[in-house]
């Protein structure tokens, strides 16, 4: 056995490790772009016991309507298309028209803290559908008295 064999083995292992890192990184980037749309933009403006509202637009296709899903406290509530009147979105040069808002009706919720999340539905490939969070989740508090239909303590 040569005296330089351990050094060659170390170099081979380092080269193999670098190759594996590049391979995994490449696969990760390909997966990310295959399952997400980096041009989806939006924001939640309001979340309370009555409504969850905001706007959403696909900047790669500003005239298209974005399909959305509402989750409250991690549970699916409803889906709809962002097609409510929002001239501020067009005025900010985010869209080609004024119809990119959304307004979900909140379901009856118990008193306490809640969190609303709105996701855009991204379709990639023929049947793959993934969800992308729009804006940041909004936390809200409901506190009704018994006379307003709240739960008794």
N, C-alpha and C. Protein backbone atom coordinates (compact mmCIF):
# COMPACT_ATOMS: atom_id res chain seq x y z
N UNK A 1 0.83 -1.17 0.00
CA UNK A 1 0.00 0.00 0.00
C UNK A 1 0.88 1.24 0.00
N UNK A 2 0.48 2.25 -0.75
CA UNK A 2 1.26 3.47 -0.83
C UNK A 2 1.12 4.29 0.43
N UNK A 3 2.13 5.16 0.64
CA UNK A 3 2.10 6.04 1.79
C UNK A 3 1.05 7.13 1.63
N UNK A 4 0.68 7.45 0.40
CA UNK A 4 -0.28 8.52 0.15
C UNK A 4 -1.72 8.02 0.07
N UNK A 5 -2.00 6.78 0.29
CA UNK A 5 -3.34 6.21 0.19
C UNK A 5 -4.33 6.88 1.14
N UNK A 6 -3.98 7.10 2.41
CA UNK A 6 -4.95 7.77 3.29
C UNK A 6 -5.30 9.18 2.81
N UNK A 7 -4.36 9.90 2.27
CA UNK A 7 -4.62 11.25 1.77
C UNK A 7 -5.55 11.19 0.55
N UNK A 8 -5.33 10.22 -0.35
CA UNK A 8 -6.20 10.08 -1.51
C UNK A 8 -7.62 9.74 -1.08
N UNK A 9 -7.75 8.88 -0.08
CA UNK A 9 -9.07 8.51 0.43
C UNK A 9 -9.79 9.73 1.00
N UNK A 10 -9.07 10.56 1.74
CA UNK A 10 -9.67 11.78 2.31
C UNK A 10 -10.14 12.69 1.18
N UNK A 11 -9.33 12.87 0.14
CA UNK A 11 -9.71 13.72 -0.98
C UNK A 11 -10.93 13.16 -1.71
N UNK A 12 -10.98 11.84 -1.88
CA UNK A 12 -12.14 11.22 -2.51
C UNK A 12 -13.40 11.42 -1.68
N UNK A 13 -13.29 11.26 -0.37
CA UNK A 13 -14.46 11.46 0.50
C UNK A 13 -14.93 12.91 0.49
N UNK A 14 -14.00 13.85 0.48
CA UNK A 14 -14.37 15.27 0.40
C UNK A 14 -15.06 15.55 -0.94
N UNK A 15 -14.50 15.02 -2.04
CA UNK A 15 -15.11 15.20 -3.36
C UNK A 15 -16.51 14.61 -3.43
N UNK A 16 -16.67 13.43 -2.85
CA UNK A 16 -17.98 12.78 -2.82
C UNK A 16 -18.97 13.61 -2.02
N UNK A 17 -18.55 14.15 -0.89
CA UNK A 17 -19.42 14.98 -0.06
C UNK A 17 -19.85 16.24 -0.80
N UNK A 18 -18.93 16.87 -1.50
CA UNK A 18 -19.26 18.08 -2.27
C UNK A 18 -20.26 17.74 -3.37
N UNK A 19 -20.05 16.62 -4.06
CA UNK A 19 -20.99 16.19 -5.10
C UNK A 19 -22.38 15.96 -4.52
N UNK A 20 -22.47 15.30 -3.37
CA UNK A 20 -23.76 15.03 -2.74
C UNK A 20 -24.47 16.32 -2.34
N UNK A 21 -23.73 17.28 -1.79
CA UNK A 21 -24.33 18.56 -1.41
C UNK A 21 -24.88 19.27 -2.65
N UNK A 22 -24.13 19.29 -3.74
CA UNK A 22 -24.60 19.92 -4.97
C UNK A 22 -25.82 19.20 -5.54
N UNK A 23 -25.82 17.88 -5.49
CA UNK A 23 -26.95 17.11 -5.99
C UNK A 23 -28.21 17.38 -5.17
N UNK A 24 -28.10 17.32 -3.85
CA UNK A 24 -29.26 17.57 -2.99
C UNK A 24 -29.74 19.02 -3.15
N UNK A 25 -28.82 19.96 -3.25
CA UNK A 25 -29.20 21.35 -3.47
C UNK A 25 -29.94 21.54 -4.78
N UNK A 26 -29.44 20.91 -5.83
CA UNK A 26 -30.11 21.01 -7.14
C UNK A 26 -31.50 20.40 -7.13
N UNK A 27 -31.65 19.25 -6.50
CA UNK A 27 -32.96 18.61 -6.40
C UNK A 27 -33.91 19.49 -5.57
N UNK A 28 -33.41 20.08 -4.51
CA UNK A 28 -34.25 20.94 -3.66
C UNK A 28 -34.74 22.16 -4.43
N UNK A 29 -33.86 22.80 -5.18
CA UNK A 29 -34.25 23.98 -5.97
C UNK A 29 -35.28 23.58 -7.02
N UNK A 30 -35.06 22.47 -7.70
CA UNK A 30 -36.01 22.00 -8.71
C UNK A 30 -37.36 21.70 -8.09
N UNK A 31 -37.37 21.07 -6.91
CA UNK A 31 -38.62 20.77 -6.21
C UNK A 31 -39.34 22.05 -5.83
N UNK A 32 -38.61 23.03 -5.30
CA UNK A 32 -39.21 24.30 -4.89
C UNK A 32 -39.90 24.98 -6.07
N UNK A 33 -39.21 25.12 -7.19
CA UNK A 33 -39.80 25.80 -8.33
C UNK A 33 -40.88 24.97 -9.01
N UNK A 34 -40.86 23.66 -8.81
CA UNK A 34 -41.90 22.81 -9.37
C UNK A 34 -43.17 22.79 -8.55
N UNK A 35 -43.10 23.18 -7.29
CA UNK A 35 -44.27 23.10 -6.42
C UNK A 35 -44.75 24.45 -5.89
N UNK A 36 -44.07 25.53 -6.22
CA UNK A 36 -44.49 26.85 -5.75
C UNK A 36 -44.50 27.85 -6.90
N UNK A 37 -45.14 28.96 -6.68
CA UNK A 37 -45.16 30.05 -7.64
C UNK A 37 -44.55 31.27 -6.94
N UNK A 38 -43.32 31.64 -7.28
CA UNK A 38 -42.67 32.75 -6.59
C UNK A 38 -43.29 34.11 -6.89
N UNK A 39 -44.27 34.15 -7.78
CA UNK A 39 -44.90 35.43 -8.16
C UNK A 39 -46.22 35.68 -7.44
N UNK A 40 -46.66 34.77 -6.58
CA UNK A 40 -47.89 34.98 -5.83
C UNK A 40 -47.64 36.01 -4.73
N UNK A 41 -48.48 37.04 -4.70
CA UNK A 41 -48.39 38.08 -3.68
C UNK A 41 -49.76 38.30 -3.08
N UNK A 42 -49.78 38.76 -1.85
CA UNK A 42 -51.06 39.08 -1.23
C UNK A 42 -50.89 39.46 0.22
N UNK A 43 -52.02 39.79 0.83
CA UNK A 43 -51.98 40.23 2.22
C UNK A 43 -53.34 40.04 2.86
N UNK A 44 -53.33 39.74 4.15
CA UNK A 44 -54.55 39.72 4.94
C UNK A 44 -54.69 41.08 5.60
N UNK A 45 -55.79 41.76 5.33
CA UNK A 45 -56.03 43.08 5.89
C UNK A 45 -56.80 43.02 7.20
N UNK A 46 -57.71 42.05 7.30
CA UNK A 46 -58.60 42.00 8.46
C UNK A 46 -58.97 40.56 8.76
N UNK A 47 -59.05 40.26 10.04
CA UNK A 47 -59.58 38.96 10.49
C UNK A 47 -60.28 39.22 11.82
N UNK A 48 -61.56 38.87 11.86
CA UNK A 48 -62.32 39.02 13.10
C UNK A 48 -63.48 38.02 13.09
N UNK A 49 -64.42 38.19 13.99
CA UNK A 49 -65.51 37.23 14.10
C UNK A 49 -66.49 37.29 12.93
N UNK A 50 -66.37 38.33 12.09
CA UNK A 50 -67.28 38.47 10.96
C UNK A 50 -66.65 38.11 9.62
N UNK A 51 -65.43 38.62 9.35
CA UNK A 51 -64.80 38.41 8.04
C UNK A 51 -63.30 38.22 8.15
N UNK A 52 -62.75 37.61 7.10
CA UNK A 52 -61.31 37.57 6.85
C UNK A 52 -61.16 38.12 5.44
N UNK A 53 -60.40 39.23 5.30
CA UNK A 53 -60.32 39.88 4.00
C UNK A 53 -58.89 40.28 3.68
N UNK A 54 -58.65 40.51 2.40
CA UNK A 54 -57.34 40.93 1.93
C UNK A 54 -57.31 40.92 0.41
N UNK A 55 -56.13 40.68 -0.15
CA UNK A 55 -55.98 40.64 -1.60
C UNK A 55 -54.93 39.61 -1.98
N UNK A 56 -55.00 39.15 -3.24
CA UNK A 56 -54.02 38.19 -3.76
C UNK A 56 -53.92 38.36 -5.27
N UNK A 57 -52.69 38.28 -5.77
CA UNK A 57 -52.46 38.42 -7.20
C UNK A 57 -51.26 37.55 -7.61
N UNK A 58 -51.32 37.03 -8.81
CA UNK A 58 -50.20 36.30 -9.41
C UNK A 58 -49.50 37.29 -10.33
N UNK A 59 -48.35 37.82 -9.90
CA UNK A 59 -47.67 38.85 -10.67
C UNK A 59 -47.12 38.35 -12.00
N UNK A 60 -47.03 37.04 -12.19
CA UNK A 60 -46.61 36.52 -13.49
C UNK A 60 -47.77 36.56 -14.48
N UNK A 61 -49.00 36.69 -13.98
CA UNK A 61 -50.20 36.79 -14.81
C UNK A 61 -51.18 37.71 -14.08
N UNK A 62 -50.92 39.03 -14.08
CA UNK A 62 -51.68 39.96 -13.25
C UNK A 62 -53.18 40.05 -13.54
N UNK A 63 -53.62 39.57 -14.69
CA UNK A 63 -55.04 39.60 -15.00
C UNK A 63 -55.79 38.37 -14.51
N UNK A 64 -55.07 37.33 -14.11
CA UNK A 64 -55.69 36.08 -13.67
C UNK A 64 -56.21 36.20 -12.25
N UNK A 65 -57.20 35.40 -11.92
CA UNK A 65 -57.74 35.35 -10.56
C UNK A 65 -57.07 34.20 -9.81
N UNK A 66 -56.81 34.43 -8.53
CA UNK A 66 -56.12 33.45 -7.70
C UNK A 66 -57.14 32.69 -6.86
N UNK A 67 -57.03 31.37 -6.86
CA UNK A 67 -57.88 30.54 -6.01
C UNK A 67 -57.30 30.52 -4.61
N UNK A 68 -58.16 30.69 -3.60
CA UNK A 68 -57.73 30.80 -2.21
C UNK A 68 -58.47 29.81 -1.32
N UNK A 69 -57.81 29.48 -0.21
CA UNK A 69 -58.45 28.66 0.82
C UNK A 69 -58.21 29.32 2.17
N UNK A 70 -59.28 29.38 2.98
CA UNK A 70 -59.21 29.96 4.32
C UNK A 70 -59.13 28.84 5.34
N UNK A 71 -58.18 28.99 6.27
CA UNK A 71 -58.05 28.10 7.42
C UNK A 71 -58.12 28.96 8.68
N UNK A 72 -58.91 28.53 9.64
CA UNK A 72 -58.93 29.19 10.94
C UNK A 72 -58.59 28.14 11.98
N UNK A 73 -57.60 28.46 12.79
CA UNK A 73 -57.10 27.54 13.81
C UNK A 73 -56.69 26.19 13.21
N UNK A 74 -56.14 26.25 11.99
CA UNK A 74 -55.64 25.05 11.33
C UNK A 74 -56.70 24.20 10.67
N UNK A 75 -57.96 24.65 10.66
CA UNK A 75 -59.05 23.88 10.05
C UNK A 75 -59.54 24.58 8.79
N UNK A 76 -59.73 23.78 7.73
CA UNK A 76 -60.25 24.33 6.49
C UNK A 76 -61.64 24.89 6.71
N UNK A 77 -61.88 26.12 6.20
CA UNK A 77 -63.18 26.76 6.37
C UNK A 77 -63.89 26.91 5.03
N UNK A 78 -63.20 27.48 4.03
CA UNK A 78 -63.87 27.79 2.76
C UNK A 78 -62.81 28.03 1.68
N UNK A 79 -63.27 28.00 0.42
CA UNK A 79 -62.40 28.41 -0.68
C UNK A 79 -63.16 29.35 -1.59
N UNK A 80 -62.42 30.21 -2.28
CA UNK A 80 -63.02 31.14 -3.22
C UNK A 80 -61.94 31.70 -4.12
N UNK A 81 -62.37 32.44 -5.11
CA UNK A 81 -61.47 33.11 -6.03
C UNK A 81 -61.33 34.56 -5.58
N UNK A 82 -60.11 35.10 -5.61
CA UNK A 82 -59.88 36.50 -5.26
C UNK A 82 -60.40 37.36 -6.41
N UNK A 83 -61.63 37.86 -6.27
CA UNK A 83 -62.26 38.62 -7.34
C UNK A 83 -63.12 39.77 -6.80
N UNK A 84 -62.83 40.23 -5.61
CA UNK A 84 -63.55 41.38 -5.03
C UNK A 84 -62.87 42.67 -5.47
N UNK A 85 -63.62 43.75 -5.47
CA UNK A 85 -63.14 45.05 -5.91
C UNK A 85 -62.07 45.58 -4.96
N UNK A 86 -60.85 45.79 -5.48
CA UNK A 86 -59.72 46.34 -4.71
C UNK A 86 -58.90 47.24 -5.62
N UNK A 87 -59.32 48.48 -5.83
CA UNK A 87 -58.57 49.37 -6.73
C UNK A 87 -57.17 49.69 -6.23
N UNK A 88 -56.94 49.57 -4.93
CA UNK A 88 -55.60 49.86 -4.39
C UNK A 88 -54.55 48.90 -4.91
N UNK A 89 -54.94 47.67 -5.24
CA UNK A 89 -53.99 46.68 -5.76
C UNK A 89 -53.52 47.10 -7.15
N UNK A 90 -54.44 47.54 -7.99
CA UNK A 90 -54.05 48.04 -9.32
C UNK A 90 -53.26 49.34 -9.20
N UNK A 91 -53.70 50.24 -8.31
CA UNK A 91 -53.00 51.51 -8.13
C UNK A 91 -51.55 51.32 -7.67
N UNK A 92 -51.28 50.21 -6.99
CA UNK A 92 -49.92 49.88 -6.55
C UNK A 92 -49.14 49.14 -7.64
N UNK A 93 -49.73 49.04 -8.84
CA UNK A 93 -49.12 48.34 -9.98
C UNK A 93 -48.87 46.86 -9.73
N UNK A 94 -49.72 46.25 -8.94
CA UNK A 94 -49.63 44.81 -8.69
C UNK A 94 -50.48 44.00 -9.67
N UNK A 95 -51.49 44.65 -10.27
CA UNK A 95 -52.42 43.92 -11.13
C UNK A 95 -52.88 44.82 -12.27
N UNK A 96 -53.49 44.19 -13.29
CA UNK A 96 -53.99 44.91 -14.46
C UNK A 96 -55.39 45.48 -14.26
N UNK A 97 -56.09 45.04 -13.22
CA UNK A 97 -57.45 45.51 -12.98
C UNK A 97 -57.71 45.63 -11.48
N UNK A 98 -58.95 45.97 -11.13
CA UNK A 98 -59.31 46.26 -9.74
C UNK A 98 -59.90 45.07 -8.99
N UNK A 99 -59.86 43.87 -9.53
CA UNK A 99 -60.64 42.75 -8.99
C UNK A 99 -59.75 41.63 -8.44
N UNK A 100 -59.02 41.92 -7.36
CA UNK A 100 -58.14 40.92 -6.76
C UNK A 100 -58.30 40.81 -5.25
N UNK A 101 -59.40 41.32 -4.73
CA UNK A 101 -59.65 41.23 -3.30
C UNK A 101 -60.41 39.96 -2.94
N UNK A 102 -60.42 39.66 -1.65
CA UNK A 102 -61.23 38.54 -1.17
C UNK A 102 -61.84 38.92 0.18
N UNK A 103 -63.00 38.31 0.45
CA UNK A 103 -63.66 38.51 1.73
C UNK A 103 -64.41 37.23 2.09
N UNK A 104 -63.83 36.49 3.00
CA UNK A 104 -64.46 35.27 3.51
C UNK A 104 -65.33 35.64 4.71
N UNK A 105 -66.49 35.00 4.82
CA UNK A 105 -67.29 35.15 6.03
C UNK A 105 -66.71 34.21 7.09
N UNK A 106 -66.49 34.72 8.27
CA UNK A 106 -65.99 33.88 9.36
C UNK A 106 -67.12 32.97 9.85
N UNK A 107 -66.80 31.74 10.16
CA UNK A 107 -67.83 30.84 10.70
C UNK A 107 -68.08 31.19 12.17
N UNK A 108 -69.13 30.65 12.76
CA UNK A 108 -69.32 30.86 14.20
C UNK A 108 -68.13 30.25 14.95
N UNK A 109 -67.51 31.05 15.79
CA UNK A 109 -66.33 30.62 16.54
C UNK A 109 -66.56 30.85 18.03
N UNK A 110 -65.98 30.00 18.86
CA UNK A 110 -66.12 30.21 20.30
C UNK A 110 -65.28 31.40 20.77
N UNK A 111 -65.59 31.88 21.94
CA UNK A 111 -64.77 32.95 22.53
C UNK A 111 -63.33 32.49 22.65
N UNK A 112 -62.41 33.45 22.54
CA UNK A 112 -61.00 33.13 22.72
C UNK A 112 -60.15 33.59 21.55
N UNK A 113 -58.89 33.16 21.56
CA UNK A 113 -57.92 33.50 20.53
C UNK A 113 -58.09 32.59 19.32
N UNK A 114 -57.95 33.19 18.15
CA UNK A 114 -58.03 32.43 16.90
C UNK A 114 -56.97 32.95 15.93
N UNK A 115 -56.63 32.11 14.94
CA UNK A 115 -55.66 32.51 13.93
C UNK A 115 -56.21 32.18 12.55
N UNK A 116 -56.23 33.20 11.67
CA UNK A 116 -56.70 33.02 10.29
C UNK A 116 -55.49 32.95 9.37
N UNK A 117 -55.52 31.99 8.45
CA UNK A 117 -54.49 31.85 7.43
C UNK A 117 -55.19 31.69 6.08
N UNK A 118 -54.69 32.40 5.08
CA UNK A 118 -55.23 32.27 3.73
C UNK A 118 -54.10 31.77 2.84
N UNK A 119 -54.42 30.73 2.07
CA UNK A 119 -53.45 30.11 1.17
C UNK A 119 -53.92 30.25 -0.27
N UNK A 120 -52.97 30.52 -1.16
CA UNK A 120 -53.24 30.47 -2.60
C UNK A 120 -53.04 29.03 -3.05
N UNK A 121 -53.91 28.57 -3.93
CA UNK A 121 -53.80 27.23 -4.49
C UNK A 121 -52.95 27.34 -5.75
N UNK A 122 -51.84 26.64 -5.76
CA UNK A 122 -50.93 26.64 -6.91
C UNK A 122 -51.03 25.29 -7.59
N UNK A 123 -51.33 25.31 -8.88
CA UNK A 123 -51.43 24.06 -9.65
C UNK A 123 -50.16 23.92 -10.47
N UNK A 124 -49.46 22.80 -10.28
CA UNK A 124 -48.27 22.52 -11.07
C UNK A 124 -48.41 21.13 -11.67
N UNK A 125 -47.92 20.98 -12.84
CA UNK A 125 -48.09 19.69 -13.52
C UNK A 125 -49.55 19.52 -13.91
N UNK A 126 -49.99 18.29 -14.00
CA UNK A 126 -51.36 18.03 -14.43
C UNK A 126 -52.34 18.01 -13.27
N UNK A 127 -51.92 17.52 -12.11
CA UNK A 127 -52.88 17.37 -11.03
C UNK A 127 -52.34 17.80 -9.67
N UNK A 128 -51.09 18.19 -9.61
CA UNK A 128 -50.51 18.54 -8.31
C UNK A 128 -50.99 19.92 -7.88
N UNK A 129 -51.55 19.99 -6.69
CA UNK A 129 -52.02 21.25 -6.13
C UNK A 129 -51.31 21.46 -4.79
N UNK A 130 -50.66 22.60 -4.66
CA UNK A 130 -49.99 22.93 -3.40
C UNK A 130 -50.55 24.25 -2.89
N UNK A 131 -50.39 24.48 -1.60
CA UNK A 131 -50.88 25.70 -0.97
C UNK A 131 -49.70 26.58 -0.60
N UNK A 132 -49.85 27.89 -0.89
CA UNK A 132 -48.83 28.86 -0.51
C UNK A 132 -49.49 29.92 0.36
N UNK A 133 -48.89 30.17 1.51
CA UNK A 133 -49.41 31.15 2.45
C UNK A 133 -49.41 32.54 1.82
N UNK A 134 -50.51 33.25 1.96
CA UNK A 134 -50.64 34.62 1.48
C UNK A 134 -50.47 35.55 2.67
N UNK A 135 -49.51 36.44 2.61
CA UNK A 135 -49.27 37.36 3.72
C UNK A 135 -48.86 36.61 4.97
N UNK A 136 -49.19 37.20 6.10
CA UNK A 136 -48.90 36.58 7.39
C UNK A 136 -50.21 36.19 8.06
N UNK A 137 -50.22 35.11 8.85
CA UNK A 137 -51.44 34.77 9.58
C UNK A 137 -51.84 35.92 10.50
N UNK A 138 -53.14 36.10 10.66
CA UNK A 138 -53.64 37.12 11.57
C UNK A 138 -54.30 36.46 12.77
N UNK A 139 -53.92 36.91 13.94
CA UNK A 139 -54.54 36.44 15.18
C UNK A 139 -55.63 37.43 15.56
N UNK A 140 -56.73 36.91 16.09
CA UNK A 140 -57.81 37.77 16.55
C UNK A 140 -58.48 37.14 17.76
N UNK A 141 -59.16 37.97 18.51
CA UNK A 141 -59.78 37.55 19.77
C UNK A 141 -61.28 37.77 19.68
N UNK A 142 -62.05 36.80 20.11
CA UNK A 142 -63.50 36.92 20.17
C UNK A 142 -63.91 36.84 21.63
N UNK A 143 -64.69 37.83 22.04
CA UNK A 143 -65.22 37.82 23.39
C UNK A 143 -66.63 38.39 23.35
N UNK A 144 -67.59 37.49 23.34
CA UNK A 144 -68.99 37.89 23.33
C UNK A 144 -69.57 37.68 24.72
N UNK A 145 -70.49 38.54 25.06
CA UNK A 145 -71.21 38.33 26.33
C UNK A 145 -72.31 37.31 26.07
N UNK A 146 -72.92 36.82 27.12
CA UNK A 146 -74.00 35.83 26.98
C UNK A 146 -75.15 36.42 26.18
N UNK A 147 -75.44 37.71 26.33
CA UNK A 147 -76.54 38.34 25.60
C UNK A 147 -76.24 38.43 24.11
N UNK A 148 -74.97 38.36 23.71
CA UNK A 148 -74.60 38.40 22.28
C UNK A 148 -74.45 37.00 21.70
N UNK A 149 -74.77 36.00 22.46
CA UNK A 149 -74.68 34.63 21.96
C UNK A 149 -73.36 33.96 22.30
N UNK A 150 -72.60 34.52 23.23
CA UNK A 150 -71.35 33.90 23.65
C UNK A 150 -71.59 32.76 24.60
N UNK A 151 -70.59 31.94 24.76
CA UNK A 151 -70.70 30.79 25.66
C UNK A 151 -70.61 31.23 27.10
N UNK A 152 -71.30 30.53 27.95
CA UNK A 152 -71.21 30.83 29.38
C UNK A 152 -69.92 30.26 29.93
N UNK A 153 -69.31 30.94 30.91
CA UNK A 153 -68.06 30.42 31.49
C UNK A 153 -68.28 29.16 32.27
